[in-house]
Amino acid sequence: MLHKFYAGTSVIILATSMLFLSSCSQRLNPALGGFSGETVKFRWENFRVSVDEFILKEDSIAVISYKDHTIYRFPSYRYLTTTNLNKEGEFIGEQTTTISVFKYYVHKNDDQFGLMFDSISAVRSSGKLPVDSIMIKQAFKNPRFFALPNVKLVEELKKDDIIRVTYAAFEKAKDQRDTVGLYYDRNTPDFRYSFSNSLNWENMEPFRIRYVFNEFLEDGVTIPKRVMLFELKRMKIGNSGELKRLIELHDRLIQE
């Protein structure tokens, strides 16, 4: 889902951030018919549109495992624009509606290529694409993105099985994260998806990452505080029959 917000407006930031802070983790692993999976929830506020406008992107990626295959379900968006006219037929404005859809990328584990499908009911592939490229462009798997240069450890907080480790920048470049919060759960089951091995703490991988960019002034405009969040959660698997069909379709088409 996409939203717009403007410099000086904090209501949307505060309201939407609660979606990510509502739960620490889900410890259940509801596999169905051999399927298991997790979601990578994200909240992204880093799309500069104009001097005082940003795009807030908030959605999730599903990572579904079945035997020796992995399916990635990516959010995609279609835009329907309606033109409004008055009774004289004169133009008075436009309204754009965002429609959320899903694309599915299927690959056999250890293969270098997989197939993209425009929907779970697709009958043909929309493209043969390298796994590495898909992971970097659409699944936040660029190691540099989760690297933590120029930061120092400022806090380690433990509460029950949850550990929060906080880093702060000591030499901040333009648009660099001011603080980074990493969350670990001693009881979190192993996830197939991993943000980055470089973020491991006491042999645990983080299930949540929180980046904070403090308010700053640029070109005479105050850029508001921004928060970017990433969180791993177990997911319930539905549509197992359609998922199996999509894997079978992949196996037939990948050799073409």
Protein backbone atom coordinates (compact mmCIF):
# COMPACT_ATOMS: atom_id res chain seq x y z
CA MET A 1 0.00 0.00 0.00
CA LEU A 2 1.26 3.44 -0.90
CA HIS A 3 0.61 6.68 0.96
CA LYS A 4 1.79 10.25 0.53
CA PHE A 5 2.74 12.61 3.32
CA TYR A 6 4.31 16.04 3.46
CA ALA A 7 7.00 17.72 5.49
CA GLY A 8 5.64 18.87 8.82
CA THR A 9 2.92 16.20 8.88
CA SER A 10 3.41 13.62 11.61
CA VAL A 11 -0.05 12.10 12.04
CA ILE A 12 0.42 9.46 9.33
CA ILE A 13 3.86 8.55 10.64
CA LEU A 14 2.59 7.97 14.17
CA ALA A 15 -0.53 6.10 13.13
CA THR A 16 1.03 3.72 10.66
CA SER A 17 4.06 2.88 12.78
CA MET A 18 1.77 1.14 15.27
CA LEU A 19 1.15 -1.57 12.70
CA PHE A 20 4.72 -2.77 13.08
CA LEU A 21 5.02 -2.42 16.85
CA SER A 22 1.91 -4.36 17.77
CA SER A 23 3.62 -7.72 18.27
CA CYS A 24 7.12 -8.99 18.97
CA SER A 25 6.87 -12.33 17.15
CA GLN A 26 4.67 -15.28 16.35
CA ARG A 27 6.13 -18.50 17.62
CA LEU A 28 3.73 -20.82 15.84
CA ASN A 29 4.73 -22.47 12.59
CA PRO A 30 1.40 -23.26 10.93
CA ALA A 31 2.58 -25.48 8.07
CA LEU A 32 -0.10 -26.82 5.73
CA GLY A 33 0.42 -29.86 3.55
CA GLY A 34 4.21 -29.54 3.68
CA PHE A 35 4.17 -25.78 3.17
CA SER A 36 5.74 -23.35 5.62
CA GLY A 37 6.34 -19.67 5.34
CA GLU A 38 6.97 -16.28 6.81
CA THR A 39 6.26 -12.68 5.91
CA VAL A 40 8.74 -9.85 5.66
CA LYS A 41 6.75 -6.79 6.70
CA PHE A 42 8.21 -3.46 5.74
CA ARG A 43 7.51 0.22 6.18
CA TRP A 44 9.58 2.40 3.87
CA GLU A 45 9.70 6.19 3.98
CA ASN A 46 12.62 6.89 1.72
CA PHE A 47 11.10 7.84 -1.63
CA ARG A 48 11.80 11.52 -2.32
CA VAL A 49 9.20 12.92 -4.73
CA SER A 50 9.69 16.67 -4.44
CA VAL A 51 11.20 19.19 -2.08
CA ASP A 52 8.51 18.56 0.54
CA GLU A 53 6.77 15.31 -0.44
CA PHE A 54 7.59 11.67 0.26
CA ILE A 55 6.04 8.33 -0.54
CA LEU A 56 5.32 5.99 2.36
CA LYS A 57 5.32 2.36 1.26
CA GLU A 58 3.95 -0.22 3.68
CA ASP A 59 3.37 -3.85 2.77
CA SER A 60 4.80 -7.35 3.14
CA ILE A 61 6.61 -10.03 1.16
CA ALA A 62 5.71 -13.69 1.68
CA VAL A 63 8.40 -16.38 1.59
CA ILE A 64 6.81 -19.82 1.17
CA SER A 65 8.76 -23.09 1.26
CA TYR A 66 7.61 -26.42 -0.13
CA LYS A 67 10.01 -29.35 -0.39
CA ASP A 68 12.81 -28.16 -2.70
CA HIS A 69 11.04 -25.03 -3.98
CA THR A 70 10.62 -21.50 -2.69
CA ILE A 71 7.84 -19.11 -3.66
CA TYR A 72 8.11 -15.35 -3.10
CA ARG A 73 4.87 -13.41 -3.14
CA PHE A 74 5.54 -9.75 -3.92
CA PRO A 75 3.06 -6.89 -3.64
CA SER A 76 2.26 -5.07 -6.84
CA TYR A 77 0.02 -2.10 -7.51
CA ARG A 78 -2.32 -1.01 -10.26
CA TYR A 79 -3.72 2.48 -10.51
CA LEU A 80 -7.22 3.34 -11.71
CA THR A 81 -7.74 7.01 -12.52
CA THR A 82 -11.30 8.36 -12.68
CA THR A 83 -11.96 11.70 -14.39
CA ASN A 84 -14.68 13.82 -12.77
CA LEU A 85 -16.82 16.17 -14.85
CA ASN A 86 -19.55 18.58 -13.84
CA LYS A 87 -23.01 18.48 -15.39
CA GLU A 88 -21.82 20.71 -18.22
CA GLY A 89 -19.12 18.17 -19.05
CA GLU A 90 -16.29 20.35 -17.82
CA PHE A 91 -13.28 18.81 -16.13
CA ILE A 92 -13.25 19.33 -12.34
CA GLY A 93 -10.62 16.85 -11.20
CA GLU A 94 -9.29 13.33 -11.12
CA GLN A 95 -9.30 10.58 -8.52
CA THR A 96 -6.75 7.77 -8.48
CA THR A 97 -7.51 4.46 -6.77
CA THR A 98 -4.70 2.07 -5.85
CA ILE A 99 -5.46 -1.63 -6.38
CA SER A 100 -3.19 -4.11 -4.62
CA VAL A 101 -2.33 -7.35 -6.43
CA PHE A 102 0.34 -10.04 -5.96
CA LYS A 103 3.05 -11.41 -8.17
CA TYR A 104 4.69 -14.78 -7.51
CA TYR A 105 8.30 -15.71 -8.13
CA VAL A 106 9.03 -19.45 -8.05
CA HIS A 107 12.42 -21.14 -8.11
CA LYS A 108 13.88 -24.50 -7.26
CA ASN A 109 16.33 -24.22 -4.40
CA ASP A 110 19.95 -23.87 -5.56
CA ASP A 111 18.86 -22.98 -9.12
CA GLN A 112 20.16 -19.69 -10.47
CA PHE A 113 16.94 -18.79 -12.31
CA GLY A 114 13.25 -18.83 -11.52
CA LEU A 115 9.98 -17.74 -13.11
CA MET A 116 7.79 -14.74 -12.33
CA PHE A 117 3.99 -15.09 -12.53
CA ASP A 118 1.54 -12.20 -12.55
CA SER A 119 -0.94 -13.98 -10.28
CA ILE A 120 -1.44 -17.24 -8.43
CA SER A 121 -3.80 -18.38 -11.19
CA ALA A 122 -1.41 -17.55 -14.06
CA VAL A 123 -1.16 -20.07 -16.90
CA ARG A 124 2.13 -18.75 -18.26
CA SER A 125 5.22 -17.06 -16.93
CA SER A 126 5.83 -13.33 -17.30
CA GLY A 127 9.61 -13.78 -17.30
CA LYS A 128 12.61 -15.97 -16.50
CA LEU A 129 14.75 -14.03 -14.04
CA PRO A 130 17.91 -14.68 -11.99
CA VAL A 131 17.32 -15.37 -8.32
CA ASP A 132 20.04 -12.99 -7.13
CA SER A 133 18.59 -10.09 -9.11
CA ILE A 134 15.07 -10.65 -7.76
CA MET A 135 16.33 -10.87 -4.19
CA ILE A 136 18.28 -7.61 -4.44
CA LYS A 137 15.64 -5.61 -6.28
CA GLN A 138 12.49 -6.83 -4.56
CA ALA A 139 13.36 -8.67 -1.34
CA PHE A 140 15.84 -6.33 0.42
CA LYS A 141 18.70 -8.81 0.02
CA ASN A 142 21.39 -6.26 -0.78
CA PRO A 143 24.02 -6.75 1.98
CA ARG A 144 24.99 -3.08 1.81
CA PHE A 145 21.46 -2.05 2.76
CA PHE A 146 21.72 -3.76 6.15
CA ALA A 147 25.37 -2.87 6.73
CA LEU A 148 26.00 -0.65 9.77
CA PRO A 149 28.96 1.64 9.05
CA ASN A 150 29.93 4.46 11.41
CA VAL A 151 27.79 3.31 14.33
CA LYS A 152 28.48 2.46 17.94
CA LEU A 153 26.60 0.27 20.39
CA VAL A 154 24.68 2.46 22.86
CA GLU A 155 22.24 0.07 24.52
CA GLU A 156 21.52 -3.61 25.06
CA LEU A 157 18.13 -4.20 26.67
CA LYS A 158 16.85 -7.66 27.66
CA LYS A 159 13.27 -8.39 28.67
CA ASP A 160 12.28 -12.03 29.04
CA ASP A 161 13.33 -13.67 25.75
CA ILE A 162 13.47 -10.44 23.74
CA ILE A 163 16.76 -8.58 23.26
CA ARG A 164 16.90 -5.09 21.76
CA VAL A 165 20.28 -3.82 20.63
CA THR A 166 20.55 -0.14 19.69
CA TYR A 167 23.28 1.54 17.65
CA ALA A 168 23.77 5.26 17.04
CA ALA A 169 25.71 6.99 14.28
CA PHE A 170 28.88 8.75 15.41
CA GLU A 171 29.74 10.12 11.97
CA LYS A 172 26.58 10.80 10.04
CA ALA A 173 26.54 11.36 6.29
CA LYS A 174 23.58 12.85 4.44
CA ASP A 175 20.47 10.70 4.68
CA GLN A 176 22.24 8.10 6.83
CA ARG A 177 20.43 6.37 9.68
CA ASP A 178 20.77 8.14 13.03
CA THR A 179 19.85 5.13 15.14
CA VAL A 180 19.33 1.44 14.44
CA GLY A 181 17.33 -0.92 16.66
CA LEU A 182 17.78 -4.67 16.23
CA TYR A 183 15.37 -7.07 17.93
CA TYR A 184 16.10 -10.71 18.74
CA ASP A 185 13.92 -13.45 20.23
CA ARG A 186 15.53 -16.48 21.87
CA ASN A 187 12.41 -18.53 21.06
CA THR A 188 11.95 -17.45 17.45
CA PRO A 189 12.06 -20.49 15.15
CA ASP A 190 14.45 -20.54 12.24
CA PHE A 191 13.24 -18.46 9.32
CA ARG A 192 14.15 -19.25 5.75
CA TYR A 193 14.55 -15.54 5.08
CA SER A 194 17.46 -13.71 6.69
CA PHE A 195 18.09 -9.97 6.68
CA SER A 196 21.88 -10.27 6.93
CA ASN A 197 24.29 -12.60 8.72
CA SER A 198 26.32 -9.55 9.71
CA LEU A 199 23.51 -8.57 12.12
CA ASN A 200 23.63 -11.78 14.16
CA TRP A 201 23.82 -11.41 17.95
CA GLU A 202 24.72 -14.31 20.22
CA ASN A 203 24.08 -16.71 17.32
CA MET A 204 20.61 -15.24 16.74
CA GLU A 205 19.28 -13.42 13.70
CA PRO A 206 17.10 -10.32 14.14
CA PHE A 207 13.38 -10.67 13.58
CA ARG A 208 12.86 -6.88 13.53
CA ILE A 209 14.95 -3.92 12.38
CA ARG A 210 14.07 -0.29 13.05
CA TYR A 211 15.90 2.58 11.34
CA VAL A 212 15.37 6.15 12.55
CA PHE A 213 16.29 9.20 10.47
CA ASN A 214 16.08 12.33 12.57
CA GLU A 215 14.56 15.58 11.35
CA PHE A 216 16.93 17.79 9.34
CA LEU A 217 16.90 20.94 7.23
CA GLU A 218 17.53 20.79 3.47
CA ASP A 219 17.11 23.60 0.94
CA GLY A 220 15.18 25.61 3.51
CA VAL A 221 12.69 22.77 4.07
CA THR A 222 12.42 20.77 7.29
CA ILE A 223 12.51 17.08 6.46
CA PRO A 224 10.53 15.29 9.19
CA LYS A 225 11.72 12.39 11.25
CA ARG A 226 11.32 9.14 9.37
CA VAL A 227 11.15 5.55 10.55
CA MET A 228 11.80 2.47 8.42
CA LEU A 229 10.76 -0.90 9.80
CA PHE A 230 11.34 -4.50 8.75
CA GLU A 231 9.89 -7.47 10.61
CA LEU A 232 9.77 -11.24 10.15
CA LYS A 233 6.65 -13.16 11.19
CA ARG A 234 5.33 -16.65 10.69
CA MET A 235 2.40 -16.84 8.30
CA LYS A 236 -0.53 -19.15 7.84
CA ILE A 237 -0.48 -20.87 4.48
CA GLY A 238 -3.60 -20.80 2.37
CA ASN A 239 -4.31 -21.77 -1.24
CA SER A 240 -2.02 -24.79 -0.99
CA GLY A 241 -3.60 -26.38 -4.07
CA GLU A 242 -2.98 -23.29 -6.20
CA LEU A 243 0.57 -23.00 -4.86
CA LYS A 244 1.31 -26.61 -5.83
CA ARG A 245 -0.12 -25.96 -9.28
CA LEU A 246 2.14 -22.92 -9.64
CA ILE A 247 5.19 -25.01 -8.70
CA GLU A 248 4.22 -27.68 -11.24
CA LEU A 249 3.77 -24.98 -13.88
CA HIS A 250 7.22 -23.61 -13.04
CA ASP A 251 8.78 -27.06 -13.41
CA ARG A 252 7.21 -27.50 -16.86
CA LEU A 253 8.16 -24.05 -18.16
CA ILE A 254 11.62 -23.51 -16.68
CA GLN A 255 13.28 -25.72 -19.27
CA GLU A 256 11.75 -23.89 -22.23
